[in-house]
N, C-alpha and C. Protein backbone atom coordinates (compact mmCIF):
# COMPACT_ATOMS: atom_id res chain seq x y z
N MET A 1 -29.75 48.88 -12.65
CA MET A 1 -30.31 47.55 -12.79
C MET A 1 -29.21 46.60 -13.19
N GLY A 2 -28.49 47.14 -14.16
CA GLY A 2 -27.46 46.20 -14.81
C GLY A 2 -26.42 45.95 -13.66
N ASN A 3 -26.03 46.90 -12.79
CA ASN A 3 -24.96 46.76 -11.80
C ASN A 3 -25.50 45.75 -10.85
N ASN A 4 -26.80 45.65 -10.47
CA ASN A 4 -27.31 44.78 -9.48
C ASN A 4 -27.06 43.36 -10.06
N ARG A 5 -27.39 43.06 -11.29
CA ARG A 5 -27.29 41.73 -12.00
C ARG A 5 -25.88 41.36 -11.78
N MET A 6 -24.87 42.22 -12.11
CA MET A 6 -23.39 41.86 -12.21
C MET A 6 -22.97 41.47 -10.55
N PHE A 7 -23.44 42.21 -9.74
CA PHE A 7 -23.08 41.90 -8.41
C PHE A 7 -23.71 40.53 -7.91
N ALA A 8 -24.86 40.19 -8.25
CA ALA A 8 -25.45 38.90 -7.99
C ALA A 8 -24.57 37.71 -8.62
N THR A 9 -24.09 37.95 -9.86
CA THR A 9 -23.33 36.92 -10.52
C THR A 9 -22.00 36.74 -9.83
N VAL A 10 -21.34 37.85 -9.44
CA VAL A 10 -20.04 37.89 -8.69
C VAL A 10 -20.23 37.02 -7.34
N THR A 11 -21.33 37.28 -6.74
CA THR A 11 -21.55 36.65 -5.49
C THR A 11 -21.73 35.18 -5.46
N LEU A 12 -22.44 34.71 -6.54
CA LEU A 12 -22.59 33.31 -6.83
C LEU A 12 -21.36 32.51 -7.11
N VAL A 13 -20.44 33.31 -7.82
CA VAL A 13 -18.97 32.58 -8.09
C VAL A 13 -18.30 32.62 -6.85
N VAL A 14 -18.24 33.43 -6.05
CA VAL A 14 -17.52 33.49 -4.77
C VAL A 14 -18.07 32.24 -3.93
N ILE A 15 -19.32 32.08 -3.78
CA ILE A 15 -19.90 31.08 -2.96
C ILE A 15 -19.65 29.66 -3.52
N PHE A 16 -19.46 29.59 -4.83
CA PHE A 16 -19.24 28.25 -5.35
C PHE A 16 -17.85 27.96 -5.10
N VAL A 17 -16.82 28.80 -5.20
CA VAL A 17 -15.56 28.50 -5.01
C VAL A 17 -15.21 28.15 -3.53
N TYR A 18 -15.98 28.86 -2.66
CA TYR A 18 -15.92 28.56 -1.23
C TYR A 18 -16.29 27.11 -0.88
N PHE A 19 -17.31 26.58 -1.51
CA PHE A 19 -17.80 25.13 -1.19
C PHE A 19 -16.76 24.15 -1.90
N VAL A 20 -16.23 24.47 -3.11
CA VAL A 20 -15.34 23.67 -3.75
C VAL A 20 -14.08 23.52 -2.81
N ALA A 21 -13.64 24.64 -2.34
CA ALA A 21 -12.38 24.69 -1.39
C ALA A 21 -12.69 23.69 -0.22
N ASN A 22 -13.87 23.90 0.44
CA ASN A 22 -14.12 23.12 1.62
C ASN A 22 -14.28 21.51 1.38
N THR A 23 -14.42 21.08 0.09
CA THR A 23 -14.52 19.63 -0.15
C THR A 23 -13.27 18.92 -0.09
N ILE A 24 -12.16 19.75 -0.18
CA ILE A 24 -10.92 19.14 -0.06
C ILE A 24 -10.10 19.38 1.30
N SER A 25 -10.81 19.92 2.28
CA SER A 25 -10.15 20.25 3.52
C SER A 25 -9.99 18.91 4.23
N LEU A 26 -9.02 18.89 5.19
CA LEU A 26 -8.71 17.73 5.93
C LEU A 26 -7.93 18.08 7.22
N ALA A 27 -8.46 17.53 8.31
CA ALA A 27 -7.87 17.82 9.59
C ALA A 27 -6.91 16.82 9.85
N VAL A 28 -5.63 17.21 10.31
CA VAL A 28 -4.56 16.21 10.53
C VAL A 28 -3.83 16.57 11.74
N VAL A 29 -3.52 15.55 12.69
CA VAL A 29 -2.63 15.90 13.89
C VAL A 29 -1.33 15.93 13.35
N THR A 30 -0.74 17.18 13.51
CA THR A 30 0.61 17.33 12.94
C THR A 30 1.63 16.67 13.84
N ARG A 31 2.82 16.69 13.31
CA ARG A 31 4.04 16.01 14.02
C ARG A 31 4.29 16.66 15.27
N SER A 32 4.15 18.05 15.27
CA SER A 32 4.47 18.81 16.52
C SER A 32 3.36 18.63 17.50
N GLU A 33 2.16 18.45 17.13
CA GLU A 33 1.05 18.14 18.01
C GLU A 33 1.14 16.66 18.64
N TRP A 34 1.76 15.71 18.02
CA TRP A 34 1.87 14.45 18.79
C TRP A 34 3.23 14.34 19.34
N GLY A 35 4.11 15.22 19.22
CA GLY A 35 5.42 15.28 19.77
C GLY A 35 6.45 14.41 19.16
N ALA A 36 6.63 14.62 17.76
CA ALA A 36 7.48 13.83 17.08
C ALA A 36 8.94 14.34 17.15
N ASN A 37 9.81 13.42 17.22
CA ASN A 37 11.34 13.76 17.20
C ASN A 37 11.66 14.37 15.79
N PRO A 38 12.48 15.15 15.74
CA PRO A 38 13.05 15.71 14.23
C PRO A 38 13.42 14.51 13.43
N SER A 39 13.13 14.57 12.19
CA SER A 39 13.54 13.51 11.27
C SER A 39 15.08 13.70 11.05
N LYS A 40 15.80 12.51 10.89
CA LYS A 40 17.24 12.61 10.61
C LYS A 40 17.53 12.98 9.24
N LEU A 41 16.42 12.83 8.29
CA LEU A 41 16.81 13.18 6.96
C LEU A 41 15.49 13.09 6.20
N VAL A 42 15.27 14.20 5.47
CA VAL A 42 13.96 14.25 4.74
C VAL A 42 14.22 14.17 3.30
N GLU A 43 13.79 13.02 2.55
CA GLU A 43 13.96 12.96 1.16
C GLU A 43 12.48 13.03 0.49
N CYS A 44 12.41 13.96 -0.53
CA CYS A 44 11.09 14.17 -1.14
C CYS A 44 11.04 13.50 -2.49
N THR A 45 9.81 13.18 -2.72
CA THR A 45 9.49 12.49 -4.05
C THR A 45 9.03 13.53 -5.07
N ASN A 46 9.07 13.03 -6.49
CA ASN A 46 8.73 13.92 -7.39
C ASN A 46 7.35 13.50 -8.07
N GLY A 47 6.37 14.44 -8.14
CA GLY A 47 5.17 13.98 -8.66
C GLY A 47 4.18 13.32 -7.84
N SER A 48 3.08 12.85 -8.23
CA SER A 48 2.06 12.11 -7.34
C SER A 48 2.37 10.72 -7.37
N ALA A 49 1.95 10.06 -6.18
CA ALA A 49 2.29 8.64 -5.89
C ALA A 49 1.25 7.70 -6.62
N PRO A 50 1.80 6.70 -7.29
CA PRO A 50 0.96 5.71 -8.03
C PRO A 50 0.37 4.72 -7.14
N HIS A 51 0.79 4.74 -5.98
CA HIS A 51 0.39 3.45 -5.11
C HIS A 51 0.01 3.93 -3.71
N VAL A 52 -0.95 3.25 -3.04
CA VAL A 52 -1.32 3.50 -1.64
C VAL A 52 -1.05 2.03 -1.00
N LEU A 53 -0.34 1.99 -0.01
CA LEU A 53 -0.06 0.76 0.80
C LEU A 53 -0.71 0.90 2.25
N ILE A 54 -1.42 -0.13 2.51
CA ILE A 54 -2.15 -0.14 3.85
C ILE A 54 -1.37 -1.12 4.86
N HIS A 55 -1.22 -0.60 5.98
CA HIS A 55 -0.50 -1.38 7.14
C HIS A 55 -1.34 -1.42 8.25
N HIS A 56 -1.01 -2.25 9.32
CA HIS A 56 -1.47 -2.09 10.72
C HIS A 56 -0.12 -2.05 11.55
N SER A 57 -0.30 -1.50 12.64
CA SER A 57 0.93 -1.39 13.56
C SER A 57 1.21 -2.73 14.30
N TYR A 58 0.20 -3.59 14.53
CA TYR A 58 0.24 -4.81 15.30
C TYR A 58 0.48 -4.36 16.65
N ILE A 59 1.79 -3.78 16.87
CA ILE A 59 2.15 -3.33 18.21
C ILE A 59 2.72 -1.89 17.80
N PRO A 60 2.20 -0.82 18.37
CA PRO A 60 1.28 -0.71 19.61
C PRO A 60 -0.10 -1.02 19.19
N ALA A 61 -0.83 -1.34 20.26
CA ALA A 61 -2.25 -1.85 20.12
C ALA A 61 -3.21 -0.70 19.79
N HIS A 62 -4.48 -0.92 19.47
CA HIS A 62 -5.48 -0.07 19.10
C HIS A 62 -5.59 1.03 20.24
N CYS A 63 -5.80 2.27 19.74
CA CYS A 63 -5.81 3.36 20.82
C CYS A 63 -7.26 4.05 20.70
N ASN A 64 -7.86 4.16 21.77
CA ASN A 64 -9.12 4.85 21.80
C ASN A 64 -9.16 6.19 22.10
N ASN A 65 -8.30 6.77 22.62
CA ASN A 65 -8.15 8.29 22.90
C ASN A 65 -6.94 9.06 22.52
N THR A 66 -6.98 10.27 22.38
CA THR A 66 -5.90 11.01 21.71
C THR A 66 -4.61 10.80 22.42
N ASP A 67 -4.63 10.89 23.73
CA ASP A 67 -3.31 10.79 24.59
C ASP A 67 -2.68 9.42 24.17
N ASP A 68 -3.61 8.32 24.13
CA ASP A 68 -3.00 7.05 23.79
C ASP A 68 -2.45 6.93 22.27
N CYS A 69 -3.17 7.56 21.50
CA CYS A 69 -2.69 7.68 20.05
C CYS A 69 -1.49 8.32 19.73
N LYS A 70 -1.40 9.52 20.56
CA LYS A 70 -0.09 10.21 20.36
C LYS A 70 1.10 9.40 20.90
N ARG A 71 0.81 8.72 22.12
CA ARG A 71 1.76 7.85 22.68
C ARG A 71 2.22 6.75 21.67
N ALA A 72 1.07 6.16 20.90
CA ALA A 72 1.52 5.18 20.04
C ALA A 72 2.45 5.80 18.91
N MET A 73 2.12 7.01 18.36
CA MET A 73 2.91 7.49 17.50
C MET A 73 4.25 7.77 17.80
N ARG A 74 4.43 8.20 19.03
CA ARG A 74 5.95 8.36 19.52
C ARG A 74 6.59 7.17 19.71
N SER A 75 5.81 6.01 20.02
CA SER A 75 6.45 4.65 20.36
C SER A 75 6.79 4.17 18.91
N MET A 76 6.06 4.25 18.00
CA MET A 76 6.51 3.83 16.61
C MET A 76 7.61 4.49 16.08
N GLN A 77 7.67 5.88 16.28
CA GLN A 77 8.87 6.57 15.77
C GLN A 77 9.97 6.19 16.45
N ASN A 78 9.92 6.07 17.74
CA ASN A 78 11.29 5.68 18.50
C ASN A 78 11.69 4.25 18.17
N PHE A 79 10.87 3.43 17.94
CA PHE A 79 11.24 2.04 17.37
C PHE A 79 11.86 2.18 16.14
N HIS A 80 11.27 2.69 15.13
CA HIS A 80 11.83 2.92 13.74
C HIS A 80 13.09 3.61 13.70
N GLN A 81 13.26 4.68 14.50
CA GLN A 81 14.49 5.41 14.47
C GLN A 81 15.62 4.75 15.35
N ASN A 82 15.17 4.26 16.42
CA ASN A 82 16.35 3.81 17.48
C ASN A 82 16.68 2.33 17.16
N GLU A 83 15.68 1.50 16.84
CA GLU A 83 15.87 0.08 16.71
C GLU A 83 16.13 -0.24 15.41
N ARG A 84 15.58 0.33 14.38
CA ARG A 84 15.71 -0.13 12.87
C ARG A 84 16.62 0.91 12.13
N GLY A 85 16.86 1.92 12.84
CA GLY A 85 17.95 2.90 12.29
C GLY A 85 17.37 3.76 11.09
N TRP A 86 16.03 3.90 11.04
CA TRP A 86 15.48 4.74 9.91
C TRP A 86 15.52 6.24 10.23
N ASN A 87 15.31 6.97 9.35
CA ASN A 87 15.34 8.34 9.34
C ASN A 87 14.24 8.86 10.35
N ASP A 88 13.10 8.31 10.22
CA ASP A 88 11.89 8.82 10.91
C ASP A 88 10.99 7.68 11.09
N ILE A 89 9.81 7.96 11.60
CA ILE A 89 8.66 6.97 11.55
C ILE A 89 8.50 6.46 10.17
N GLY A 90 8.17 5.17 9.78
CA GLY A 90 8.26 4.65 8.51
C GLY A 90 7.06 5.17 7.64
N TYR A 91 6.01 5.45 8.41
CA TYR A 91 4.75 5.57 7.53
C TYR A 91 4.45 7.19 7.20
N ASN A 92 3.74 7.38 6.11
CA ASN A 92 3.56 8.59 5.77
C ASN A 92 2.33 9.18 6.64
N PHE A 93 1.42 8.39 6.95
CA PHE A 93 0.25 8.78 7.80
C PHE A 93 -0.12 7.52 8.58
N ALA A 94 -0.85 7.89 9.85
CA ALA A 94 -1.37 6.78 10.70
C ALA A 94 -2.90 7.25 10.94
N ILE A 95 -3.61 6.16 11.22
CA ILE A 95 -4.94 6.35 11.62
C ILE A 95 -5.18 5.95 12.93
N GLY A 96 -5.75 6.82 13.91
CA GLY A 96 -6.07 6.37 15.29
C GLY A 96 -7.40 6.10 15.43
N GLY A 97 -7.67 5.30 16.64
CA GLY A 97 -9.01 4.96 17.02
C GLY A 97 -9.76 6.13 17.55
N ASP A 98 -8.93 7.23 17.92
CA ASP A 98 -9.72 8.32 18.38
C ASP A 98 -10.43 9.17 17.42
N GLY A 99 -10.46 8.65 16.12
CA GLY A 99 -11.07 9.39 15.00
C GLY A 99 -10.38 10.44 14.27
N GLN A 100 -8.91 10.31 14.49
CA GLN A 100 -8.06 11.42 13.78
C GLN A 100 -7.22 10.72 13.04
N ILE A 101 -6.59 11.53 12.18
CA ILE A 101 -5.48 11.18 11.18
C ILE A 101 -4.28 11.80 11.62
N TYR A 102 -3.08 11.06 11.84
CA TYR A 102 -1.83 11.52 12.21
C TYR A 102 -0.89 11.53 11.13
N GLU A 103 -0.24 12.85 11.06
CA GLU A 103 0.90 12.96 10.06
C GLU A 103 2.15 12.19 10.54
N GLY A 104 2.66 11.33 9.68
CA GLY A 104 3.86 10.67 9.88
C GLY A 104 5.00 11.51 9.09
N ARG A 105 5.43 10.87 8.00
CA ARG A 105 6.38 11.53 7.20
C ARG A 105 5.61 12.69 6.37
N GLY A 106 4.28 12.47 6.14
CA GLY A 106 3.53 13.32 5.36
C GLY A 106 3.55 13.02 3.77
N PHE A 107 2.83 13.74 2.97
CA PHE A 107 2.86 13.52 1.57
C PHE A 107 4.14 13.98 1.16
N SER A 108 4.45 13.39 -0.15
CA SER A 108 5.65 13.86 -0.91
C SER A 108 7.00 13.65 -0.27
N VAL A 109 6.97 12.72 0.86
CA VAL A 109 8.17 12.34 1.52
C VAL A 109 8.44 10.90 1.46
N ILE A 110 9.62 10.50 1.14
CA ILE A 110 9.81 9.02 0.86
C ILE A 110 9.71 8.38 2.29
N GLY A 111 8.79 7.45 2.37
CA GLY A 111 8.73 6.66 3.57
C GLY A 111 9.78 5.47 3.69
N ALA A 112 9.49 4.66 4.76
CA ALA A 112 10.37 3.52 5.05
C ALA A 112 9.33 2.29 5.46
N HIS A 113 8.27 2.12 4.74
CA HIS A 113 7.28 1.13 5.07
C HIS A 113 7.19 -0.04 4.18
N ALA A 114 7.82 0.08 3.03
CA ALA A 114 7.59 -1.11 2.07
C ALA A 114 8.84 -1.01 0.85
N PRO A 115 10.03 -1.88 1.18
CA PRO A 115 11.07 -1.81 0.28
C PRO A 115 10.61 -2.00 -1.16
N LYS A 116 11.10 -1.10 -2.16
CA LYS A 116 10.92 -1.20 -3.42
C LYS A 116 9.60 -0.48 -3.93
N TYR A 117 8.97 -0.07 -2.88
CA TYR A 117 7.65 0.79 -2.97
C TYR A 117 7.65 2.01 -2.45
N ASN A 118 8.69 2.33 -1.39
CA ASN A 118 8.70 3.52 -0.81
C ASN A 118 8.56 4.81 -1.56
N VAL A 119 9.39 4.86 -2.60
CA VAL A 119 9.44 6.10 -3.48
C VAL A 119 8.22 6.30 -4.34
N LYS A 120 7.31 5.32 -4.42
CA LYS A 120 6.22 5.27 -5.30
C LYS A 120 4.89 5.12 -4.68
N SER A 121 4.90 5.27 -3.24
CA SER A 121 3.73 5.08 -2.68
C SER A 121 3.48 6.00 -1.41
N VAL A 122 2.18 6.07 -0.97
CA VAL A 122 1.84 6.63 0.45
C VAL A 122 1.52 5.47 1.33
N GLY A 123 2.29 5.35 2.40
CA GLY A 123 1.86 4.45 3.34
C GLY A 123 1.11 4.87 4.52
N ILE A 124 -0.11 4.20 4.67
CA ILE A 124 -1.02 4.54 5.68
C ILE A 124 -1.13 3.27 6.77
N CYS A 125 -0.77 3.57 7.90
CA CYS A 125 -0.92 2.62 9.01
C CYS A 125 -2.30 2.86 9.88
N LEU A 126 -2.99 1.65 10.06
CA LEU A 126 -4.09 1.75 10.98
C LEU A 126 -3.57 1.19 12.35
N ILE A 127 -3.58 2.17 13.39
CA ILE A 127 -2.91 1.64 14.48
C ILE A 127 -3.75 0.67 15.21
N GLY A 128 -3.00 -0.56 15.70
CA GLY A 128 -3.77 -1.64 16.19
C GLY A 128 -3.36 -2.93 15.47
N ASP A 129 -3.88 -4.12 15.94
CA ASP A 129 -3.66 -5.30 15.34
C ASP A 129 -5.16 -5.73 14.86
N TRP A 130 -5.05 -5.84 13.37
CA TRP A 130 -6.34 -6.12 12.78
C TRP A 130 -6.36 -7.53 12.04
N SER A 131 -5.74 -8.41 12.75
CA SER A 131 -5.70 -9.90 12.26
C SER A 131 -7.07 -10.44 12.48
N ASP A 132 -7.70 -10.31 13.58
CA ASP A 132 -9.00 -10.95 13.88
C ASP A 132 -10.24 -10.18 13.94
N GLU A 133 -10.01 -8.90 13.88
CA GLU A 133 -11.22 -8.04 13.79
C GLU A 133 -10.93 -6.91 12.97
N LEU A 134 -12.00 -6.23 12.50
CA LEU A 134 -11.89 -5.06 11.66
C LEU A 134 -11.64 -3.85 12.56
N PRO A 135 -10.85 -2.92 11.94
CA PRO A 135 -10.89 -1.49 12.65
C PRO A 135 -12.41 -0.91 12.69
N PRO A 136 -12.62 -0.05 13.65
CA PRO A 136 -14.02 0.70 13.71
C PRO A 136 -14.10 1.40 12.38
N SER A 137 -15.41 1.61 12.09
CA SER A 137 -15.79 2.27 10.69
C SER A 137 -15.22 3.45 10.64
N HIS A 138 -15.00 4.27 11.78
CA HIS A 138 -14.54 5.66 11.63
C HIS A 138 -13.13 5.70 11.15
N MET A 139 -12.27 4.57 11.58
CA MET A 139 -10.93 4.46 11.05
C MET A 139 -10.96 4.21 9.56
N ILE A 140 -11.78 3.35 9.15
CA ILE A 140 -11.94 3.05 7.58
C ILE A 140 -12.20 4.15 6.90
N GLU A 141 -13.23 4.91 7.39
CA GLU A 141 -13.75 6.21 6.75
C GLU A 141 -12.58 7.19 6.54
N ASN A 142 -11.70 7.33 7.61
CA ASN A 142 -10.66 8.13 7.58
C ASN A 142 -9.51 7.90 6.49
N VAL A 143 -9.50 6.56 6.38
CA VAL A 143 -8.50 6.16 5.36
C VAL A 143 -8.94 6.72 3.85
N HIS A 144 -10.24 6.42 3.75
CA HIS A 144 -10.95 6.85 2.46
C HIS A 144 -10.74 8.40 2.34
N ARG A 145 -10.96 9.05 3.43
CA ARG A 145 -11.00 10.54 3.30
C ARG A 145 -9.52 11.01 3.02
N LEU A 146 -8.62 10.37 3.66
CA LEU A 146 -7.07 10.75 3.30
C LEU A 146 -6.64 10.49 1.95
N ILE A 147 -7.26 9.34 1.46
CA ILE A 147 -6.86 8.96 0.11
C ILE A 147 -7.52 9.96 -0.89
N GLU A 148 -8.80 10.23 -0.69
CA GLU A 148 -9.54 11.28 -1.54
C GLU A 148 -8.85 12.62 -1.46
N PHE A 149 -8.51 12.99 -0.31
CA PHE A 149 -7.78 14.37 -0.19
C PHE A 149 -6.46 14.16 -1.02
N GLY A 150 -5.77 13.12 -0.93
CA GLY A 150 -4.46 13.12 -1.59
C GLY A 150 -4.66 13.05 -3.03
N VAL A 151 -5.70 12.45 -3.61
CA VAL A 151 -6.04 12.43 -5.15
C VAL A 151 -6.32 14.00 -5.42
N SER A 152 -7.26 14.54 -4.66
CA SER A 152 -7.76 15.86 -5.01
C SER A 152 -6.65 17.00 -5.01
N THR A 153 -5.71 16.80 -4.37
CA THR A 153 -4.51 17.61 -4.20
C THR A 153 -3.42 17.31 -5.08
N GLY A 154 -3.50 16.27 -5.82
CA GLY A 154 -2.42 15.89 -6.72
C GLY A 154 -1.24 15.04 -6.01
N LYS A 155 -1.51 14.70 -4.76
CA LYS A 155 -0.32 13.98 -4.02
C LYS A 155 -0.46 12.37 -4.38
N ILE A 156 -1.60 12.01 -4.70
CA ILE A 156 -1.85 10.64 -5.19
C ILE A 156 -2.39 10.64 -6.56
N GLN A 157 -2.04 9.75 -7.49
CA GLN A 157 -2.51 9.74 -8.86
C GLN A 157 -4.02 9.29 -8.74
N GLU A 158 -4.77 9.66 -9.66
CA GLU A 158 -6.22 9.40 -9.72
C GLU A 158 -6.47 8.00 -9.99
N ASN A 159 -5.51 7.33 -10.81
CA ASN A 159 -5.65 5.95 -11.07
C ASN A 159 -4.74 5.08 -10.22
N TYR A 160 -4.51 5.42 -8.93
CA TYR A 160 -3.49 4.62 -8.14
C TYR A 160 -4.06 3.39 -7.91
N THR A 161 -3.11 2.43 -7.44
CA THR A 161 -3.50 1.17 -7.04
C THR A 161 -3.22 0.98 -5.54
N LEU A 162 -4.16 0.21 -4.93
CA LEU A 162 -4.31 -0.04 -3.52
C LEU A 162 -3.68 -1.33 -3.19
N LEU A 163 -2.67 -1.45 -2.25
CA LEU A 163 -2.07 -2.71 -1.88
C LEU A 163 -2.09 -2.91 -0.38
N GLY A 164 -2.06 -4.21 0.15
CA GLY A 164 -1.75 -4.42 1.36
C GLY A 164 -0.25 -4.74 1.53
N HIS A 165 0.32 -4.39 2.72
CA HIS A 165 1.69 -4.63 3.00
C HIS A 165 2.21 -6.05 2.45
N ARG A 166 1.40 -7.07 2.83
CA ARG A 166 1.79 -8.50 2.54
C ARG A 166 1.95 -8.77 1.13
N GLN A 167 1.40 -8.03 0.28
CA GLN A 167 1.51 -8.21 -1.19
C GLN A 167 2.84 -7.83 -1.81
N VAL A 168 3.64 -7.00 -0.86
CA VAL A 168 4.94 -6.67 -1.42
C VAL A 168 6.02 -7.00 -0.57
N ARG A 169 5.74 -7.77 0.59
CA ARG A 169 6.74 -8.05 1.53
C ARG A 169 6.17 -9.33 2.33
N ASN A 170 7.24 -10.25 2.75
CA ASN A 170 6.68 -11.39 3.55
C ASN A 170 6.35 -11.00 5.00
N THR A 171 5.11 -10.72 5.09
CA THR A 171 4.53 -10.30 6.40
C THR A 171 3.16 -10.53 6.47
N GLN A 172 2.58 -10.55 7.69
CA GLN A 172 0.98 -10.69 7.80
C GLN A 172 0.33 -9.52 7.73
N CYS A 173 1.15 -8.35 7.66
CA CYS A 173 0.54 -7.01 7.77
C CYS A 173 -0.31 -6.90 6.48
N PRO A 174 -1.41 -6.27 6.47
CA PRO A 174 -2.03 -5.41 7.61
C PRO A 174 -3.08 -6.35 8.51
N GLY A 175 -2.80 -7.61 8.56
CA GLY A 175 -3.69 -8.42 9.29
C GLY A 175 -4.76 -8.95 8.50
N ASP A 176 -5.24 -10.29 8.65
CA ASP A 176 -6.17 -10.92 7.71
C ASP A 176 -7.51 -10.21 7.64
N LYS A 177 -8.07 -9.70 8.63
CA LYS A 177 -9.42 -9.11 8.60
C LYS A 177 -9.38 -7.79 7.83
N LEU A 178 -8.28 -6.93 8.09
CA LEU A 178 -8.16 -5.66 7.32
C LEU A 178 -7.89 -5.97 5.94
N PHE A 179 -7.01 -7.09 5.73
CA PHE A 179 -6.59 -7.24 4.31
C PHE A 179 -7.92 -7.64 3.49
N LYS A 180 -8.70 -8.59 4.07
CA LYS A 180 -9.87 -8.91 3.42
C LYS A 180 -10.82 -7.68 3.01
N GLU A 181 -10.86 -6.71 4.03
CA GLU A 181 -11.68 -5.57 3.92
C GLU A 181 -11.04 -4.83 2.61
N ILE A 182 -9.78 -4.48 2.69
CA ILE A 182 -9.27 -3.45 1.55
C ILE A 182 -9.20 -4.32 0.19
N SER A 183 -9.40 -5.59 0.19
CA SER A 183 -9.45 -6.32 -1.16
C SER A 183 -10.79 -6.17 -1.83
N THR A 184 -11.87 -5.41 -1.15
CA THR A 184 -13.16 -5.18 -1.70
C THR A 184 -13.07 -3.70 -2.27
N TRP A 185 -12.03 -2.75 -1.82
CA TRP A 185 -12.06 -1.52 -2.31
C TRP A 185 -11.71 -1.24 -3.72
N LYS A 186 -12.28 -0.18 -4.31
CA LYS A 186 -12.21 0.13 -5.70
C LYS A 186 -10.92 -0.07 -6.33
N HIS A 187 -9.85 0.47 -5.79
CA HIS A 187 -8.58 0.56 -6.49
C HIS A 187 -7.62 -0.65 -6.11
N PHE A 188 -8.13 -1.55 -5.43
CA PHE A 188 -7.31 -2.71 -4.82
C PHE A 188 -6.64 -3.47 -6.21
N GLU A 189 -5.41 -3.89 -6.12
CA GLU A 189 -4.75 -4.48 -7.14
C GLU A 189 -4.25 -5.91 -6.64
N ALA A 190 -5.05 -6.97 -7.21
CA ALA A 190 -4.82 -8.35 -6.63
C ALA A 190 -3.22 -8.87 -7.01
N LEU A 191 -2.84 -8.40 -8.24
CA LEU A 191 -1.52 -8.90 -8.63
C LEU A 191 -0.54 -7.72 -8.75
N PRO A 192 0.14 -7.21 -7.78
CA PRO A 192 0.86 -6.10 -7.94
C PRO A 192 2.04 -6.35 -8.89
N ARG A 193 2.56 -5.29 -9.49
CA ARG A 193 3.78 -5.23 -10.17
C ARG A 193 4.98 -5.38 -9.43
N VAL A 194 6.00 -6.22 -9.72
CA VAL A 194 7.20 -6.50 -8.81
C VAL A 194 8.35 -5.59 -9.35
N PHE A 195 8.79 -4.64 -8.47
CA PHE A 195 9.79 -3.79 -8.88
C PHE A 195 11.19 -4.48 -8.67
N THR A 196 12.16 -4.04 -9.50
CA THR A 196 13.42 -4.64 -9.29
C THR A 196 14.51 -3.73 -8.70
N ASP A 197 14.10 -2.46 -8.66
CA ASP A 197 15.15 -1.53 -8.06
C ASP A 197 15.34 -1.77 -6.66
N ASP A 198 16.26 -1.20 -5.83
CA ASP A 198 16.44 -1.43 -4.49
C ASP A 198 16.11 -0.21 -3.60
N ASN A 199 15.22 0.73 -4.04
CA ASN A 199 14.94 1.93 -3.19
C ASN A 199 14.21 1.51 -2.03
N VAL A 200 14.58 2.00 -0.89
CA VAL A 200 14.05 1.75 0.46
C VAL A 200 13.59 3.02 1.07
């Protein structure tokens, strides 16, 4: 009788751990899956990122299917590496209109998306031009899921600040409509701290 009770207790613990593990799972299209070129240099960060920066690609345009989104990722990487001379695609992640999250440099790797913030942030790009219209709801949901995953795995600080690219750089990115949207999000910081170091 006692053994039966012990077995039931152990079973409940195993089921509980299984569901907790599932709450932090995240499907991401990897670099190899979208056909990324090798990075010229990988520089890693220490600890969790205190900031999340939101971007739009402007060009390439919004992609509605996986083939087009993979093509957009390759286009951005080629432009960043060949035209701008960066080590890799600038963003840590990108969000496609096909309902998927794309790995750029990934977590814990220094990006090239916002000078003076690169070593302190995760840069997320929503593929498309979001100046005059909002991204589809599933793209916005994927941004939230990605951030929540980053927080739950210690890649992003729990008390992170959310910023639009235009707040730290002279640019229209991430577009008027998207910027207005993110300004309503919980961790949005209206007056970001200005850093004086030159890390890019």
